[in-house]
Amino acid sequence: MFKKIALMLGLMTSMLFSLVARADINTSDPYALVDQAAQQTFARLKADQAQVKSNPDHLRVIIREELLPYVDNRFAAYKVLGNQIKQTTPAQRDAFVDVFTEYMVSSYADALAHFDKQTVKVQPGKAAESNITAVNVSVKEAGKPDIFLEFKLRKNNKTGEWKAFDMVAEGISLLSAKQ
């Protein structure tokens, strides 16, 4: 059970961080963003497999380069803080965002270490009706049951760009688990 959750977290993390801000990824459509970021991240994982085997810390590089630009890590960190945010100074909040971001990178790198031959399919969705939406994803591996994930994304009202901030696997929110 723990291995399945770790694999799901890894896959979710890779997809979540695949939301890295690159010019060729459509950040104005949450479904396209998740799909393109996932494809890009998994292609990079496959291409860098030799480096990852010789240096597992290279997974952190992949996450920082391929996923982090598409993750609203400040919003995610603030969600984890919840109402406690009112009792912090701006400097404390900034420090927490930095530490939480590193935690996310580390967690996702650990999870991606379990990635092998799975395929990811983003479920088509309807146009987002608010600035928060969920994108459903299925992870398929031959001979194993599908894993269903939900990525939560938020639209920045100033830039119009979507970024991921949470991932839900088997009903468990990554952010809620950290609160």
C-alpha atoms as a PDB file:
ATOM      1  CA  MET A   1       0.000   0.000   0.000  1.00  0.00           C
ATOM      2  CA  PHE A   2       2.833   2.400   0.919  1.00  0.00           C
ATOM      3  CA  LYS A   3       4.609   1.675  -2.374  1.00  0.00           C
ATOM      4  CA  LYS A   4       1.408   2.410  -4.289  1.00  0.00           C
ATOM      5  CA  ILE A   5       0.972   5.733  -2.474  1.00  0.00           C
ATOM      6  CA  ALA A   6       4.637   6.593  -3.015  1.00  0.00           C
ATOM      7  CA  LEU A   7       4.296   5.798  -6.716  1.00  0.00           C
ATOM      8  CA  MET A   8       1.151   7.905  -6.963  1.00  0.00           C
ATOM      9  CA  LEU A   9       2.838  10.794  -5.166  1.00  0.00           C
ATOM     10  CA  GLY A  10       5.790  10.475  -7.483  1.00  0.00           C
ATOM     11  CA  LEU A  11       3.655  10.477 -10.574  1.00  0.00           C
ATOM     12  CA  MET A  12       1.527  13.289  -9.262  1.00  0.00           C
ATOM     13  CA  THR A  13       4.588  15.230  -8.348  1.00  0.00           C
ATOM     14  CA  SER A  14       6.140  14.768 -11.715  1.00  0.00           C
ATOM     15  CA  MET A  15       2.968  15.883 -13.391  1.00  0.00           C
ATOM     16  CA  LEU A  16       2.500  18.722 -11.003  1.00  0.00           C
ATOM     17  CA  PHE A  17       6.014  19.956 -11.446  1.00  0.00           C
ATOM     18  CA  SER A  18       5.788  19.300 -15.150  1.00  0.00           C
ATOM     19  CA  LEU A  19       3.764  22.419 -15.147  1.00  0.00           C
ATOM     20  CA  VAL A  20       7.069  24.252 -15.539  1.00  0.00           C
ATOM     21  CA  ALA A  21       6.775  27.572 -17.267  1.00  0.00           C
ATOM     22  CA  ARG A  22       8.209  27.115 -20.740  1.00  0.00           C
ATOM     23  CA  ALA A  23       7.223  29.079 -23.771  1.00  0.00           C
ATOM     24  CA  ASP A  24       5.885  25.985 -25.534  1.00  0.00           C
ATOM     25  CA  ILE A  25       3.460  25.017 -22.765  1.00  0.00           C
ATOM     26  CA  ASN A  26      -0.005  26.528 -22.872  1.00  0.00           C
ATOM     27  CA  THR A  27      -0.531  28.096 -19.436  1.00  0.00           C
ATOM     28  CA  SER A  28      -3.850  29.656 -20.420  1.00  0.00           C
ATOM     29  CA  ASP A  29      -5.639  26.269 -20.457  1.00  0.00           C
ATOM     30  CA  PRO A  30      -5.371  24.093 -17.318  1.00  0.00           C
ATOM     31  CA  TYR A  31      -5.960  20.842 -19.226  1.00  0.00           C
ATOM     32  CA  ALA A  32      -3.358  21.630 -21.867  1.00  0.00           C
ATOM     33  CA  LEU A  33      -0.947  22.742 -19.164  1.00  0.00           C
ATOM     34  CA  VAL A  34      -1.162  19.470 -17.225  1.00  0.00           C
ATOM     35  CA  ASP A  35      -1.005  17.369 -20.391  1.00  0.00           C
ATOM     36  CA  GLN A  36       1.931  19.210 -21.948  1.00  0.00           C
ATOM     37  CA  ALA A  37       3.874  19.469 -18.700  1.00  0.00           C
ATOM     38  CA  ALA A  38       3.413  15.753 -18.005  1.00  0.00           C
ATOM     39  CA  GLN A  39       4.546  14.782 -21.502  1.00  0.00           C
ATOM     40  CA  GLN A  40       7.551  17.087 -21.263  1.00  0.00           C
ATOM     41  CA  THR A  41       8.555  15.853 -17.809  1.00  0.00           C
ATOM     42  CA  PHE A  42       8.250  12.174 -18.662  1.00  0.00           C
ATOM     43  CA  ALA A  43      10.208  12.710 -21.885  1.00  0.00           C
ATOM     44  CA  ARG A  44      12.958  14.348 -19.841  1.00  0.00           C
ATOM     45  CA  LEU A  45      12.911  11.500 -17.312  1.00  0.00           C
ATOM     46  CA  LYS A  46      13.319   9.004 -20.126  1.00  0.00           C
ATOM     47  CA  ALA A  47      16.074  11.007 -21.819  1.00  0.00           C
ATOM     48  CA  ASP A  48      18.013  11.519 -18.571  1.00  0.00           C
ATOM     49  CA  GLN A  49      17.601   7.975 -17.256  1.00  0.00           C
ATOM     50  CA  ALA A  50      21.367   7.267 -17.363  1.00  0.00           C
ATOM     51  CA  GLN A  51      22.108  10.438 -15.376  1.00  0.00           C
ATOM     52  CA  VAL A  52      19.400   9.613 -12.845  1.00  0.00           C
ATOM     53  CA  LYS A  53      20.818   6.100 -12.343  1.00  0.00           C
ATOM     54  CA  SER A  54      24.328   7.443 -11.780  1.00  0.00           C
ATOM     55  CA  ASN A  55      23.183  10.427  -9.715  1.00  0.00           C
ATOM     56  CA  PRO A  56      19.700  10.163  -8.133  1.00  0.00           C
ATOM     57  CA  ASP A  57      19.901  13.853  -7.123  1.00  0.00           C
ATOM     58  CA  HIS A  58      19.476  14.635 -10.820  1.00  0.00           C
ATOM     59  CA  LEU A  59      15.748  14.009 -10.257  1.00  0.00           C
ATOM     60  CA  ARG A  60      15.693  17.238  -8.241  1.00  0.00           C
ATOM     61  CA  VAL A  61      17.175  19.083 -11.205  1.00  0.00           C
ATOM     62  CA  ILE A  62      14.482  17.677 -13.482  1.00  0.00           C
ATOM     63  CA  ILE A  63      11.766  18.716 -11.047  1.00  0.00           C
ATOM     64  CA  ARG A  64      13.142  22.221 -10.648  1.00  0.00           C
ATOM     65  CA  GLU A  65      13.497  22.674 -14.397  1.00  0.00           C
ATOM     66  CA  GLU A  66      10.465  20.810 -15.702  1.00  0.00           C
ATOM     67  CA  LEU A  67       7.789  21.206 -13.037  1.00  0.00           C
ATOM     68  CA  LEU A  68       8.454  23.975 -10.583  1.00  0.00           C
ATOM     69  CA  PRO A  69       7.770  26.798 -13.061  1.00  0.00           C
ATOM     70  CA  TYR A  70       4.185  25.489 -13.359  1.00  0.00           C
ATOM     71  CA  VAL A  71       3.542  25.180  -9.648  1.00  0.00           C
ATOM     72  CA  ASP A  72       2.200  27.993  -7.519  1.00  0.00           C
ATOM     73  CA  ASN A  73       4.432  27.056  -4.600  1.00  0.00           C
ATOM     74  CA  ARG A  74       3.664  30.247  -2.658  1.00  0.00           C
ATOM     75  CA  PHE A  75      -0.083  29.620  -2.826  1.00  0.00           C
ATOM     76  CA  ALA A  76       0.463  25.959  -1.870  1.00  0.00           C
ATOM     77  CA  ALA A  77       2.648  26.927   1.096  1.00  0.00           C
ATOM     78  CA  TYR A  78       0.089  29.476   2.262  1.00  0.00           C
ATOM     79  CA  LYS A  79      -2.673  26.850   2.006  1.00  0.00           C
ATOM     80  CA  VAL A  80      -0.633  24.582   4.272  1.00  0.00           C
ATOM     81  CA  LEU A  81      -0.197  27.407   6.787  1.00  0.00           C
ATOM     82  CA  GLY A  82      -3.944  28.038   6.774  1.00  0.00           C
ATOM     83  CA  ASN A  83      -5.165  30.406   9.480  1.00  0.00           C
ATOM     84  CA  GLN A  84      -1.744  30.270  11.153  1.00  0.00           C
ATOM     85  CA  ILE A  85      -0.505  32.615   8.432  1.00  0.00           C
ATOM     86  CA  LYS A  86      -1.998  35.523  10.387  1.00  0.00           C
ATOM     87  CA  GLN A  87       0.489  34.870  13.176  1.00  0.00           C
ATOM     88  CA  THR A  88       3.557  35.123  10.932  1.00  0.00           C
ATOM     89  CA  THR A  89       5.664  37.969   9.658  1.00  0.00           C
ATOM     90  CA  PRO A  90       6.343  38.486   5.943  1.00  0.00           C
ATOM     91  CA  ALA A  91       9.912  37.251   6.496  1.00  0.00           C
ATOM     92  CA  GLN A  92       8.630  34.088   8.196  1.00  0.00           C
ATOM     93  CA  ARG A  93       6.195  33.479   5.340  1.00  0.00           C
ATOM     94  CA  ASP A  94       8.962  33.881   2.752  1.00  0.00           C
ATOM     95  CA  ALA A  95      11.188  31.495   4.686  1.00  0.00           C
ATOM     96  CA  PHE A  96       8.355  28.957   4.931  1.00  0.00           C
ATOM     97  CA  VAL A  97       7.703  29.178   1.181  1.00  0.00           C
ATOM     98  CA  ASP A  98      11.396  28.472   0.517  1.00  0.00           C
ATOM     99  CA  VAL A  99      11.485  25.498   2.885  1.00  0.00           C
ATOM    100  CA  PHE A 100       8.143  24.150   1.654  1.00  0.00           C
ATOM    101  CA  THR A 101       9.307  24.432  -1.953  1.00  0.00           C
ATOM    102  CA  GLU A 102      12.417  22.402  -1.131  1.00  0.00           C
ATOM    103  CA  TYR A 103      10.234  19.852   0.642  1.00  0.00           C
ATOM    104  CA  MET A 104       8.053  19.565  -2.461  1.00  0.00           C
ATOM    105  CA  VAL A 105      11.094  19.143  -4.716  1.00  0.00           C
ATOM    106  CA  SER A 106      12.500  16.452  -2.415  1.00  0.00           C
ATOM    107  CA  SER A 107       9.178  14.616  -2.089  1.00  0.00           C
ATOM    108  CA  TYR A 108       8.570  14.664  -5.811  1.00  0.00           C
ATOM    109  CA  ALA A 109      12.118  13.510  -6.552  1.00  0.00           C
ATOM    110  CA  ASP A 110      11.647  10.572  -4.187  1.00  0.00           C
ATOM    111  CA  ALA A 111       8.361   9.715  -5.828  1.00  0.00           C
ATOM    112  CA  LEU A 112       9.748  10.002  -9.346  1.00  0.00           C
ATOM    113  CA  ALA A 113      12.431   7.503  -8.441  1.00  0.00           C
ATOM    114  CA  HIS A 114       9.646   4.879  -8.769  1.00  0.00           C
ATOM    115  CA  PHE A 115       8.643   5.974 -12.266  1.00  0.00           C
ATOM    116  CA  ASP A 116       9.297   3.382 -14.928  1.00  0.00           C
ATOM    117  CA  LYS A 117       6.907   2.453 -17.740  1.00  0.00           C
ATOM    118  CA  GLN A 118       3.666   4.108 -16.752  1.00  0.00           C
ATOM    119  CA  THR A 119       1.666   6.196 -19.184  1.00  0.00           C
ATOM    120  CA  VAL A 120      -0.351   9.251 -18.245  1.00  0.00           C
ATOM    121  CA  LYS A 121      -3.653  10.316 -19.729  1.00  0.00           C
ATOM    122  CA  VAL A 122      -5.233  13.672 -18.951  1.00  0.00           C
ATOM    123  CA  GLN A 123      -9.004  13.417 -18.989  1.00  0.00           C
ATOM    124  CA  PRO A 124     -10.672  16.035 -21.189  1.00  0.00           C
ATOM    125  CA  GLY A 125     -12.586  18.624 -19.270  1.00  0.00           C
ATOM    126  CA  LYS A 126     -14.840  21.558 -19.668  1.00  0.00           C
ATOM    127  CA  ALA A 127     -13.828  25.186 -19.548  1.00  0.00           C
ATOM    128  CA  ALA A 128     -13.026  26.371 -16.060  1.00  0.00           C
ATOM    129  CA  GLU A 129     -15.845  28.421 -14.568  1.00  0.00           C
ATOM    130  CA  SER A 130     -13.793  30.000 -11.788  1.00  0.00           C
ATOM    131  CA  ASN A 131     -10.159  30.686 -11.000  1.00  0.00           C
ATOM    132  CA  ILE A 132      -9.790  27.230  -9.361  1.00  0.00           C
ATOM    133  CA  THR A 133     -10.276  24.005 -11.294  1.00  0.00           C
ATOM    134  CA  ALA A 134      -9.393  20.319 -11.113  1.00  0.00           C
ATOM    135  CA  VAL A 135      -7.830  18.252 -13.880  1.00  0.00           C
ATOM    136  CA  ASN A 136      -8.315  14.492 -13.692  1.00  0.00           C
ATOM    137  CA  VAL A 137      -5.487  12.217 -14.763  1.00  0.00           C
ATOM    138  CA  SER A 138      -5.149   8.458 -15.023  1.00  0.00           C
ATOM    139  CA  VAL A 139      -1.846   6.644 -14.742  1.00  0.00           C
ATOM    140  CA  LYS A 140      -1.734   3.336 -16.558  1.00  0.00           C
ATOM    141  CA  GLU A 141       0.702   0.473 -16.248  1.00  0.00           C
ATOM    142  CA  ALA A 142       0.339  -2.916 -17.903  1.00  0.00           C
ATOM    143  CA  GLY A 143      -0.953  -5.563 -15.529  1.00  0.00           C
ATOM    144  CA  LYS A 144      -1.821  -3.114 -12.758  1.00  0.00           C
ATOM    145  CA  PRO A 145      -4.980  -1.179 -11.910  1.00  0.00           C
ATOM    146  CA  ASP A 146      -5.146   2.399 -13.107  1.00  0.00           C
ATOM    147  CA  ILE A 147      -4.278   5.136 -10.640  1.00  0.00           C
ATOM    148  CA  PHE A 148      -6.529   8.181 -10.691  1.00  0.00           C
ATOM    149  CA  LEU A 149      -5.210  11.584  -9.722  1.00  0.00           C
ATOM    150  CA  GLU A 150      -6.692  15.043  -9.544  1.00  0.00           C
ATOM    151  CA  PHE A 151      -4.563  18.144  -9.954  1.00  0.00           C
ATOM    152  CA  LYS A 152      -5.913  21.369  -8.576  1.00  0.00           C
ATOM    153  CA  LEU A 153      -4.953  24.482 -10.458  1.00  0.00           C
ATOM    154  CA  ARG A 154      -5.414  28.167  -9.829  1.00  0.00           C
ATOM    155  CA  LYS A 155      -5.632  30.960 -12.371  1.00  0.00           C
ATOM    156  CA  ASN A 156      -3.627  34.082 -11.606  1.00  0.00           C
ATOM    157  CA  ASN A 157      -6.012  36.989 -12.124  1.00  0.00           C
ATOM    158  CA  LYS A 158      -3.169  39.333 -13.091  1.00  0.00           C
ATOM    159  CA  THR A 159      -1.359  37.151 -15.627  1.00  0.00           C
ATOM    160  CA  GLY A 160      -4.163  34.817 -16.718  1.00  0.00           C
ATOM    161  CA  GLU A 161      -1.810  31.857 -16.269  1.00  0.00           C
ATOM    162  CA  TRP A 162      -2.820  28.623 -14.603  1.00  0.00           C
ATOM    163  CA  LYS A 163      -0.525  26.889 -12.129  1.00  0.00           C
ATOM    164  CA  ALA A 164      -0.930  23.734 -10.099  1.00  0.00           C
ATOM    165  CA  PHE A 165      -1.074  23.984  -6.325  1.00  0.00           C
ATOM    166  CA  ASP A 166      -2.331  20.602  -5.091  1.00  0.00           C
ATOM    167  CA  MET A 167      -2.644  16.981  -6.076  1.00  0.00           C
ATOM    168  CA  VAL A 168      -5.202  14.495  -4.797  1.00  0.00           C
ATOM    169  CA  ALA A 169      -4.538  10.748  -4.930  1.00  0.00           C
ATOM    170  CA  GLU A 170      -7.164   8.275  -3.807  1.00  0.00           C
ATOM    171  CA  GLY A 171      -9.012  11.056  -2.022  1.00  0.00           C
ATOM    172  CA  ILE A 172      -5.947  12.319  -0.159  1.00  0.00           C
ATOM    173  CA  SER A 173      -4.849  15.881  -0.827  1.00  0.00           C
ATOM    174  CA  LEU A 174      -1.106  16.445  -0.716  1.00  0.00           C
ATOM    175  CA  LEU A 175      -1.638  19.818   0.957  1.00  0.00           C
ATOM    176  CA  SER A 176      -4.188  18.580   3.456  1.00  0.00           C
ATOM    177  CA  ALA A 177      -1.823  15.797   4.450  1.00  0.00           C
ATOM    178  CA  LYS A 178       0.861  18.395   5.200  1.00  0.00           C
ATOM    179  CA  GLN A 179      -1.405  20.682   7.204  1.00  0.00           C
END
